[in-house]
């Protein structure tokens, strides 16, 4: 999907109030989250390259959030190829 902010997907299929925006830049896929219930999220958090997300996910120990599912490189690449 695409809107005025860019190409995005829903990281949680049942929650359309959160979007994950994706772009390609400098040979990498970048992610940025948007949340309708927290507009400051977009303003306060910039784009993050997938490599940084992958490294952080390796050491993540939380149980309520799975960064590997939210930041889905396969979905991002497919959307960007399609766009």
PDB file of N, CA and C in Angstrom:
ATOM      1  N   UNK A   1       0.833  -1.171   0.000  1.00  0.00           N
ATOM      2  CA  UNK A   1       0.000   0.000   0.000  1.00  0.00           C
ATOM      3  C   UNK A   1       0.885   1.243   0.000  1.00  0.00           C
ATOM      4  N   UNK A   2       0.278   2.327  -0.388  1.00  0.00           N
ATOM      5  CA  UNK A   2       1.031   3.572  -0.468  1.00  0.00           C
ATOM      6  C   UNK A   2       0.113   4.751  -0.151  1.00  0.00           C
ATOM      7  N   UNK A   3       0.674   5.714   0.568  1.00  0.00           N
ATOM      8  CA  UNK A   3      -0.041   6.963   0.833  1.00  0.00           C
ATOM      9  C   UNK A   3       0.948   8.115   0.742  1.00  0.00           C
ATOM     10  N   UNK A   4       0.569   9.267   1.278  1.00  0.00           N
ATOM     11  CA  UNK A   4       1.429  10.440   1.164  1.00  0.00           C
ATOM     12  C   UNK A   4       2.758  10.303   1.902  1.00  0.00           C
ATOM     13  N   UNK A   5       2.854   9.375   2.864  1.00  0.00           N
ATOM     14  CA  UNK A   5       4.107   9.159   3.589  1.00  0.00           C
ATOM     15  C   UNK A   5       5.011   8.120   2.921  1.00  0.00           C
ATOM     16  N   UNK A   6       4.430   7.304   2.053  1.00  0.00           N
ATOM     17  CA  UNK A   6       5.239   6.302   1.360  1.00  0.00           C
ATOM     18  C   UNK A   6       4.576   4.942   1.296  1.00  0.00           C
ATOM     19  N   UNK A   7       5.399   3.940   1.047  1.00  0.00           N
ATOM     20  CA  UNK A   7       4.961   2.544   0.936  1.00  0.00           C
ATOM     21  C   UNK A   7       4.923   1.941   2.337  1.00  0.00           C
ATOM     22  N   UNK A   8       3.844   1.201   2.635  1.00  0.00           N
ATOM     23  CA  UNK A   8       3.716   0.644   3.978  1.00  0.00           C
ATOM     24  C   UNK A   8       2.982  -0.695   3.976  1.00  0.00           C
ATOM     25  N   UNK A   9       3.087  -1.378   5.116  1.00  0.00           N
ATOM     26  CA  UNK A   9       2.289  -2.578   5.392  1.00  0.00           C
ATOM     27  C   UNK A   9       1.867  -2.519   6.853  1.00  0.00           C
ATOM     28  N   UNK A  10       0.951  -3.391   7.210  1.00  0.00           N
ATOM     29  CA  UNK A  10       0.495  -3.474   8.596  1.00  0.00           C
ATOM     30  C   UNK A  10       1.305  -4.548   9.307  1.00  0.00           C
ATOM     31  N   UNK A  11       2.118  -4.189  10.301  1.00  0.00           N
ATOM     32  CA  UNK A  11       2.928  -5.191  10.985  1.00  0.00           C
ATOM     33  C   UNK A  11       2.102  -6.149  11.842  1.00  0.00           C
ATOM     34  N   UNK A  12       0.899  -5.746  12.187  1.00  0.00           N
ATOM     35  CA  UNK A  12      -0.034  -6.611  12.909  1.00  0.00           C
ATOM     36  C   UNK A  12      -1.338  -6.599  12.111  1.00  0.00           C
ATOM     37  N   UNK A  13      -1.636  -7.717  11.481  1.00  0.00           N
ATOM     38  CA  UNK A  13      -2.759  -7.767  10.541  1.00  0.00           C
ATOM     39  C   UNK A  13      -4.073  -7.274  11.133  1.00  0.00           C
ATOM     40  N   UNK A  14      -4.288  -7.475  12.393  1.00  0.00           N
ATOM     41  CA  UNK A  14      -5.542  -7.075  13.015  1.00  0.00           C
ATOM     42  C   UNK A  14      -5.588  -5.628  13.464  1.00  0.00           C
ATOM     43  N   UNK A  15      -4.476  -4.908  13.333  1.00  0.00           N
ATOM     44  CA  UNK A  15      -4.412  -3.539  13.824  1.00  0.00           C
ATOM     45  C   UNK A  15      -4.001  -2.610  12.684  1.00  0.00           C
ATOM     46  N   UNK A  16      -4.963  -1.915  12.120  1.00  0.00           N
ATOM     47  CA  UNK A  16      -4.668  -1.007  11.020  1.00  0.00           C
ATOM     48  C   UNK A  16      -4.351   0.401  11.499  1.00  0.00           C
ATOM     49  N   UNK A  17      -4.195   0.571  12.801  1.00  0.00           N
ATOM     50  CA  UNK A  17      -3.828   1.879  13.347  1.00  0.00           C
ATOM     51  C   UNK A  17      -2.307   2.034  13.428  1.00  0.00           C
ATOM     52  N   UNK A  18      -1.591   0.943  13.131  1.00  0.00           N
ATOM     53  CA  UNK A  18      -0.126   0.968  13.115  1.00  0.00           C
ATOM     54  C   UNK A  18       0.331   0.554  11.720  1.00  0.00           C
ATOM     55  N   UNK A  19       1.233   1.326  11.160  1.00  0.00           N
ATOM     56  CA  UNK A  19       1.772   1.028   9.835  1.00  0.00           C
ATOM     57  C   UNK A  19       3.293   0.994   9.907  1.00  0.00           C
ATOM     58  N   UNK A  20       3.867   0.147   9.074  1.00  0.00           N
ATOM     59  CA  UNK A  20       5.317   0.098   8.936  1.00  0.00           C
ATOM     60  C   UNK A  20       5.646   0.601   7.537  1.00  0.00           C
ATOM     61  N   UNK A  21       6.320   1.732   7.480  1.00  0.00           N
ATOM     62  CA  UNK A  21       6.725   2.305   6.204  1.00  0.00           C
ATOM     63  C   UNK A  21       8.099   1.755   5.830  1.00  0.00           C
ATOM     64  N   UNK A  22       8.315   1.579   4.532  1.00  0.00           N
ATOM     65  CA  UNK A  22       9.574   1.024   4.049  1.00  0.00           C
ATOM     66  C   UNK A  22      10.070   1.833   2.854  1.00  0.00           C
ATOM     67  N   UNK A  23      11.394   1.877   2.720  1.00  0.00           N
ATOM     68  CA  UNK A  23      11.996   2.530   1.558  1.00  0.00           C
ATOM     69  C   UNK A  23      13.352   1.877   1.307  1.00  0.00           C
ATOM     70  N   UNK A  24      13.844   2.094   0.096  1.00  0.00           N
ATOM     71  CA  UNK A  24      15.205   1.671  -0.241  1.00  0.00           C
ATOM     72  C   UNK A  24      16.060   2.924  -0.337  1.00  0.00           C
ATOM     73  N   UNK A  25      17.215   2.840   0.306  1.00  0.00           N
ATOM     74  CA  UNK A  25      18.147   3.970   0.249  1.00  0.00           C
ATOM     75  C   UNK A  25      19.551   3.437   0.509  1.00  0.00           C
ATOM     76  N   UNK A  26      20.490   3.919  -0.256  1.00  0.00           N
ATOM     77  CA  UNK A  26      21.900   3.534  -0.081  1.00  0.00           C
ATOM     78  C   UNK A  26      22.077   2.015  -0.089  1.00  0.00           C
ATOM     79  N   UNK A  27      21.325   1.336  -0.950  1.00  0.00           N
ATOM     80  CA  UNK A  27      21.467  -0.110  -1.083  1.00  0.00           C
ATOM     81  C   UNK A  27      20.878  -0.930   0.046  1.00  0.00           C
ATOM     82  N   UNK A  28      20.068  -0.315   0.891  1.00  0.00           N
ATOM     83  CA  UNK A  28      19.485  -1.024   2.035  1.00  0.00           C
ATOM     84  C   UNK A  28      17.987  -0.738   2.118  1.00  0.00           C
ATOM     85  N   UNK A  29      17.292  -1.611   2.821  1.00  0.00           N
ATOM     86  CA  UNK A  29      15.873  -1.395   3.112  1.00  0.00           C
ATOM     87  C   UNK A  29      15.786  -0.733   4.487  1.00  0.00           C
ATOM     88  N   UNK A  30      14.983   0.322   4.559  1.00  0.00           N
ATOM     89  CA  UNK A  30      14.811   1.098   5.786  1.00  0.00           C
ATOM     90  C   UNK A  30      13.359   1.018   6.242  1.00  0.00           C
ATOM     91  N   UNK A  31      13.147   1.093   7.551  1.00  0.00           N
ATOM     92  CA  UNK A  31      11.821   0.980   8.157  1.00  0.00           C
ATOM     93  C   UNK A  31      11.552   2.197   9.041  1.00  0.00           C
ATOM     94  N   UNK A  32      10.251   2.532   9.119  1.00  0.00           N
ATOM     95  CA  UNK A  32       9.820   3.596  10.040  1.00  0.00           C
ATOM     96  C   UNK A  32       8.370   3.337  10.424  1.00  0.00           C
ATOM     97  N   UNK A  33       8.110   3.295  11.711  1.00  0.00           N
ATOM     98  CA  UNK A  33       6.773   2.975  12.197  1.00  0.00           C
ATOM     99  C   UNK A  33       5.939   4.236  12.393  1.00  0.00           C
ATOM    100  N   UNK A  34       4.641   4.089  12.090  1.00  0.00           N
ATOM    101  CA  UNK A  34       3.657   5.146  12.303  1.00  0.00           C
ATOM    102  C   UNK A  34       2.511   4.558  13.103  1.00  0.00           C
ATOM    103  N   UNK A  35       2.005   5.318  14.081  1.00  0.00           N
ATOM    104  CA  UNK A  35       0.926   4.844  14.935  1.00  0.00           C
ATOM    105  C   UNK A  35      -0.118   5.954  15.063  1.00  0.00           C
ATOM    106  N   UNK A  36      -1.346   5.660  14.657  1.00  0.00           N
ATOM    107  CA  UNK A  36      -2.423   6.655  14.714  1.00  0.00           C
ATOM    108  C   UNK A  36      -2.684   7.123  16.145  1.00  0.00           C
ATOM    109  N   UNK A  37      -2.399   6.284  17.116  1.00  0.00           N
ATOM    110  CA  UNK A  37      -2.640   6.630  18.512  1.00  0.00           C
ATOM    111  C   UNK A  37      -1.458   7.344  19.163  1.00  0.00           C
ATOM    112  N   UNK A  38      -0.345   7.452  18.446  1.00  0.00           N
ATOM    113  CA  UNK A  38       0.848   8.102  18.983  1.00  0.00           C
ATOM    114  C   UNK A  38       1.552   8.879  17.865  1.00  0.00           C
ATOM    115  N   UNK A  39       1.032  10.035  17.482  1.00  0.00           N
ATOM    116  CA  UNK A  39       1.608  10.796  16.382  1.00  0.00           C
ATOM    117  C   UNK A  39       3.070  11.197  16.608  1.00  0.00           C
ATOM    118  N   UNK A  40       3.473  11.285  17.860  1.00  0.00           N
ATOM    119  CA  UNK A  40       4.861  11.658  18.165  1.00  0.00           C
ATOM    120  C   UNK A  40       5.845  10.577  17.715  1.00  0.00           C
ATOM    121  N   UNK A  41       5.380   9.347  17.599  1.00  0.00           N
ATOM    122  CA  UNK A  41       6.255   8.252  17.181  1.00  0.00           C
ATOM    123  C   UNK A  41       6.928   8.583  15.852  1.00  0.00           C
ATOM    124  N   UNK A  42       6.148   9.066  14.893  1.00  0.00           N
ATOM    125  CA  UNK A  42       6.698   9.407  13.565  1.00  0.00           C
ATOM    126  C   UNK A  42       7.695  10.560  13.673  1.00  0.00           C
ATOM    127  N   UNK A  43       7.364  11.535  14.493  1.00  0.00           N
ATOM    128  CA  UNK A  43       8.218  12.714  14.631  1.00  0.00           C
ATOM    129  C   UNK A  43       9.520  12.416  15.368  1.00  0.00           C
ATOM    130  N   UNK A  44       9.459  11.546  16.344  1.00  0.00           N
ATOM    131  CA  UNK A  44      10.607  11.310  17.228  1.00  0.00           C
ATOM    132  C   UNK A  44      11.515  10.170  16.786  1.00  0.00           C
ATOM    133  N   UNK A  45      11.043   9.323  15.892  1.00  0.00           N
ATOM    134  CA  UNK A  45      11.843   8.171  15.460  1.00  0.00           C
ATOM    135  C   UNK A  45      12.036   8.230  13.959  1.00  0.00           C
ATOM    136  N   UNK A  46      13.286   8.245  13.559  1.00  0.00           N
ATOM    137  CA  UNK A  46      13.627   8.362  12.151  1.00  0.00           C
ATOM    138  C   UNK A  46      13.658   6.983  11.481  1.00  0.00           C
ATOM    139  N   UNK A  47      14.041   6.962  10.230  1.00  0.00           N
ATOM    140  CA  UNK A  47      14.181   5.726   9.473  1.00  0.00           C
ATOM    141  C   UNK A  47      15.331   4.904  10.051  1.00  0.00           C
ATOM    142  N   UNK A  48      15.151   3.571  10.062  1.00  0.00           N
ATOM    143  CA  UNK A  48      16.158   2.658  10.601  1.00  0.00           C
ATOM    144  C   UNK A  48      16.478   1.608   9.540  1.00  0.00           C
ATOM    145  N   UNK A  49      17.763   1.381   9.237  1.00  0.00           N
ATOM    146  CA  UNK A  49      18.112   0.362   8.253  1.00  0.00           C
ATOM    147  C   UNK A  49      17.871  -1.044   8.806  1.00  0.00           C
ATOM    148  N   UNK A  50      17.525  -1.951   7.918  1.00  0.00           N
ATOM    149  CA  UNK A  50      17.213  -3.317   8.350  1.00  0.00           C
ATOM    150  C   UNK A  50      18.371  -3.971   9.093  1.00  0.00           C
ATOM    151  N   UNK A  51      19.589  -3.704   8.695  1.00  0.00           N
ATOM    152  CA  UNK A  51      20.742  -4.324   9.366  1.00  0.00           C
ATOM    153  C   UNK A  51      20.765  -3.970  10.854  1.00  0.00           C
ATOM    154  N   UNK A  52      20.444  -2.741  11.194  1.00  0.00           N
ATOM    155  CA  UNK A  52      20.400  -2.342  12.609  1.00  0.00           C
ATOM    156  C   UNK A  52      19.261  -3.055  13.331  1.00  0.00           C
ATOM    157  N   UNK A  53      18.146  -3.219  12.653  1.00  0.00           N
ATOM    158  CA  UNK A  53      17.011  -3.935  13.245  1.00  0.00           C
ATOM    159  C   UNK A  53      17.363  -5.399  13.459  1.00  0.00           C
ATOM    160  N   UNK A  54      18.010  -6.002  12.483  1.00  0.00           N
ATOM    161  CA  UNK A  54      18.398  -7.412  12.593  1.00  0.00           C
ATOM    162  C   UNK A  54      19.336  -7.622  13.774  1.00  0.00           C
ATOM    163  N   UNK A  55      20.321  -6.738  13.927  1.00  0.00           N
ATOM    164  CA  UNK A  55      21.263  -6.875  15.045  1.00  0.00           C
ATOM    165  C   UNK A  55      20.551  -6.698  16.386  1.00  0.00           C
ATOM    166  N   UNK A  56      19.656  -5.725  16.475  1.00  0.00           N
ATOM    167  CA  UNK A  56      18.917  -5.497  17.720  1.00  0.00           C
ATOM    168  C   UNK A  56      18.004  -6.677  18.034  1.00  0.00           C
ATOM    169  N   UNK A  57      17.398  -7.270  17.018  1.00  0.00           N
ATOM    170  CA  UNK A  57      16.491  -8.406  17.231  1.00  0.00           C
ATOM    171  C   UNK A  57      17.234  -9.606  17.805  1.00  0.00           C
ATOM    172  N   UNK A  58      18.508  -9.745  17.464  1.00  0.00           N
ATOM    173  CA  UNK A  58      19.304 -10.865  17.974  1.00  0.00           C
ATOM    174  C   UNK A  58      19.469 -10.816  19.488  1.00  0.00           C
ATOM    175  N   UNK A  59      19.461  -9.625  20.055  1.00  0.00           N
ATOM    176  CA  UNK A  59      19.661  -9.512  21.500  1.00  0.00           C
ATOM    177  C   UNK A  59      18.375  -9.167  22.258  1.00  0.00           C
ATOM    178  N   UNK A  60      17.282  -8.987  21.527  1.00  0.00           N
ATOM    179  CA  UNK A  60      16.004  -8.629  22.152  1.00  0.00           C
ATOM    180  C   UNK A  60      15.484  -9.793  22.979  1.00  0.00           C
ATOM    181  N   UNK A  61      15.075  -9.519  24.215  1.00  0.00           N
ATOM    182  CA  UNK A  61      14.589 -10.576  25.102  1.00  0.00           C
ATOM    183  C   UNK A  61      13.142 -10.376  25.534  1.00  0.00           C
ATOM    184  N   UNK A  62      12.494  -9.342  25.050  1.00  0.00           N
ATOM    185  CA  UNK A  62      11.103  -9.097  25.418  1.00  0.00           C
ATOM    186  C   UNK A  62      10.180 -10.173  24.872  1.00  0.00           C
ATOM    187  N   UNK A  63       9.006 -10.256  25.436  1.00  0.00           N
ATOM    188  CA  UNK A  63       8.069 -11.299  25.030  1.00  0.00           C
ATOM    189  C   UNK A  63       6.810 -10.749  24.354  1.00  0.00           C
ATOM    190  N   UNK A  64       6.507  -9.481  24.537  1.00  0.00           N
ATOM    191  CA  UNK A  64       5.259  -8.920  24.017  1.00  0.00           C
ATOM    192  C   UNK A  64       5.370  -8.383  22.594  1.00  0.00           C
ATOM    193  N   UNK A  65       6.565  -8.339  22.070  1.00  0.00           N
ATOM    194  CA  UNK A  65       6.787  -7.752  20.740  1.00  0.00           C
ATOM    195  C   UNK A  65       7.851  -8.579  20.028  1.00  0.00           C
ATOM    196  N   UNK A  66       7.568  -8.988  18.812  1.00  0.00           N
ATOM    197  CA  UNK A  66       8.538  -9.757  18.032  1.00  0.00           C
ATOM    198  C   UNK A  66       9.044  -8.877  16.895  1.00  0.00           C
ATOM    199  N   UNK A  67      10.241  -8.311  17.036  1.00  0.00           N
ATOM    200  CA  UNK A  67      10.753  -7.410  15.999  1.00  0.00           C
ATOM    201  C   UNK A  67      10.929  -8.102  14.651  1.00  0.00           C
ATOM    202  N   UNK A  68      11.165  -9.395  14.652  1.00  0.00           N
ATOM    203  CA  UNK A  68      11.339 -10.105  13.381  1.00  0.00           C
ATOM    204  C   UNK A  68      10.046 -10.149  12.580  1.00  0.00           C
ATOM    205  N   UNK A  69       8.929 -10.140  13.259  1.00  0.00           N
ATOM    206  CA  UNK A  69       7.638 -10.126  12.557  1.00  0.00           C
ATOM    207  C   UNK A  69       7.228  -8.710  12.186  1.00  0.00           C
ATOM    208  N   UNK A  70       7.451  -7.768  13.072  1.00  0.00           N
ATOM    209  CA  UNK A  70       7.056  -6.384  12.804  1.00  0.00           C
ATOM    210  C   UNK A  70       7.889  -5.786  11.674  1.00  0.00           C
ATOM    211  N   UNK A  71       9.188  -6.027  11.713  1.00  0.00           N
ATOM    212  CA  UNK A  71      10.100  -5.520  10.685  1.00  0.00           C
ATOM    213  C   UNK A  71      10.401  -6.665   9.724  1.00  0.00           C
ATOM    214  N   UNK A  72       9.461  -6.955   8.856  1.00  0.00           N
ATOM    215  CA  UNK A  72       9.530  -8.120   7.968  1.00  0.00           C
ATOM    216  C   UNK A  72      10.232  -7.752   6.659  1.00  0.00           C
ATOM    217  N   UNK A  73      11.467  -8.198   6.523  1.00  0.00           N
ATOM    218  CA  UNK A  73      12.266  -7.845   5.353  1.00  0.00           C
ATOM    219  C   UNK A  73      11.681  -8.416   4.064  1.00  0.00           C
ATOM    220  N   UNK A  74      11.092  -9.594   4.127  1.00  0.00           N
ATOM    221  CA  UNK A  74      10.507 -10.198   2.924  1.00  0.00           C
ATOM    222  C   UNK A  74       9.310  -9.399   2.422  1.00  0.00           C
ATOM    223  N   UNK A  75       8.439  -9.006   3.321  1.00  0.00           N
ATOM    224  CA  UNK A  75       7.278  -8.191   2.943  1.00  0.00           C
ATOM    225  C   UNK A  75       7.760  -6.846   2.420  1.00  0.00           C
ATOM    226  N   UNK A  76       8.725  -6.245   3.095  1.00  0.00           N
ATOM    227  CA  UNK A  76       9.237  -4.932   2.670  1.00  0.00           C
ATOM    228  C   UNK A  76       9.806  -5.003   1.260  1.00  0.00           C
ATOM    229  N   UNK A  77      10.629  -6.006   0.992  1.00  0.00           N
ATOM    230  CA  UNK A  77      11.244  -6.115  -0.331  1.00  0.00           C
ATOM    231  C   UNK A  77      10.187  -6.356  -1.413  1.00  0.00           C
ATOM    232  N   UNK A  78       9.207  -7.184  -1.124  1.00  0.00           N
ATOM    233  CA  UNK A  78       8.142  -7.447  -2.104  1.00  0.00           C
ATOM    234  C   UNK A  78       7.362  -6.172  -2.403  1.00  0.00           C
ATOM    235  N   UNK A  79       7.020  -5.404  -1.374  1.00  0.00           N
ATOM    236  CA  UNK A  79       6.289  -4.156  -1.586  1.00  0.00           C
ATOM    237  C   UNK A  79       7.110  -3.146  -2.382  1.00  0.00           C
ATOM    238  N   UNK A  80       8.378  -3.045  -2.061  1.00  0.00           N
ATOM    239  CA  UNK A  80       9.231  -2.095  -2.759  1.00  0.00           C
ATOM    240  C   UNK A  80       9.458  -2.509  -4.208  1.00  0.00           C
ATOM    241  N   UNK A  81       9.572  -3.799  -4.467  1.00  0.00           N
ATOM    242  CA  UNK A  81       9.702  -4.292  -5.843  1.00  0.00           C
ATOM    243  C   UNK A  81       8.449  -3.991  -6.642  1.00  0.00           C
ATOM    244  N   UNK A  82       7.317  -4.116  -5.985  1.00  0.00           N
ATOM    245  CA  UNK A  82       6.018  -3.876  -6.617  1.00  0.00           C
ATOM    246  C   UNK A  82       5.786  -2.387  -6.895  1.00  0.00           C
ATOM    247  N   UNK A  83       6.263  -1.556  -5.979  1.00  0.00           N
ATOM    248  CA  UNK A  83       6.065  -0.109  -6.120  1.00  0.00           C
ATOM    249  C   UNK A  83       6.936   0.398  -7.238  1.00  0.00           C
TER     250      UNK A  83
END
